[in-house]
């Protein structure tokens, strides 16, 4: 769900259900390693439970992004 499940969408979804598990948009591992981490990883505590979706095909970058 690239470009759809951003913070604004998750806020709206949380208003609909307090118990649903929310997912971040798919984020490429290189974007986290080399980009603005706070832009991709910051969230409001009310969004929890929240699952981070990582994308990529390079194990080293995926591992670094997961850390």
Protein backbone atom coordinates (compact mmCIF):
# COMPACT_ATOMS: atom_id res chain seq x y z
CA UNK A 1 0.00 0.00 0.00
CA UNK A 2 2.66 2.48 -1.03
CA UNK A 3 1.56 6.08 -0.62
CA UNK A 4 -1.78 5.09 0.93
CA UNK A 5 -1.36 4.03 4.53
CA UNK A 6 0.49 7.14 5.65
CA UNK A 7 0.05 8.74 9.06
CA UNK A 8 -3.08 10.62 8.01
CA UNK A 9 -4.79 7.48 6.75
CA UNK A 10 -3.82 5.56 9.90
CA UNK A 11 -5.27 8.34 12.05
CA UNK A 12 -8.58 8.06 10.20
CA UNK A 13 -8.51 4.25 10.39
CA UNK A 14 -7.92 4.38 14.13
CA UNK A 15 -11.03 6.53 14.50
CA UNK A 16 -13.00 3.72 12.86
CA UNK A 17 -11.64 0.96 15.07
CA UNK A 18 -9.64 1.02 18.29
CA UNK A 19 -8.69 -2.67 18.02
CA UNK A 20 -7.61 -3.03 14.38
CA UNK A 21 -3.94 -3.65 13.63
CA UNK A 22 -2.67 -0.85 11.40
CA UNK A 23 0.11 -1.20 8.82
CA UNK A 24 2.54 1.41 7.56
CA UNK A 25 2.88 1.95 3.88
CA UNK A 26 5.50 -0.30 2.24
CA UNK A 27 8.84 1.43 2.78
CA UNK A 28 11.93 0.49 0.82
CA UNK A 29 14.82 -0.44 3.10
CA UNK A 30 17.21 1.91 1.27
CA UNK A 31 14.87 4.84 1.99
CA UNK A 32 15.19 4.17 5.71
CA UNK A 33 18.95 3.57 5.66
CA UNK A 34 19.82 6.57 3.49
CA UNK A 35 16.82 8.86 3.92
CA UNK A 36 14.95 10.80 6.56
CA UNK A 37 14.16 8.08 9.09
CA UNK A 38 11.77 10.20 11.12
CA UNK A 39 9.66 10.87 8.01
CA UNK A 40 9.13 7.14 7.52
CA UNK A 41 9.25 5.78 11.07
CA UNK A 42 7.60 8.35 13.35
CA UNK A 43 4.13 7.51 14.55
CA UNK A 44 1.68 8.62 17.20
CA UNK A 45 1.23 6.23 20.16
CA UNK A 46 -2.50 6.05 19.45
CA UNK A 47 -1.71 4.33 16.14
CA UNK A 48 -0.58 1.18 17.95
CA UNK A 49 -0.79 -1.69 17.34
CA UNK A 50 1.18 -0.79 14.22
CA UNK A 51 3.16 -3.01 11.84
CA UNK A 52 6.09 -1.73 9.77
CA UNK A 53 6.26 -3.07 6.20
CA UNK A 54 9.74 -3.17 4.71
CA UNK A 55 10.48 -3.76 1.06
CA UNK A 56 13.65 -4.56 -0.81
CA UNK A 57 15.75 -7.40 -2.14
CA UNK A 58 19.06 -6.74 -0.40
CA UNK A 59 19.37 -8.61 2.92
CA UNK A 60 21.98 -6.22 4.36
CA UNK A 61 19.79 -3.18 3.79
CA UNK A 62 16.71 -4.97 5.12
CA UNK A 63 18.60 -5.95 8.28
CA UNK A 64 19.89 -2.39 8.78
CA UNK A 65 16.42 -0.92 8.27
CA UNK A 66 14.89 -3.41 10.71
CA UNK A 67 17.39 -2.45 13.42
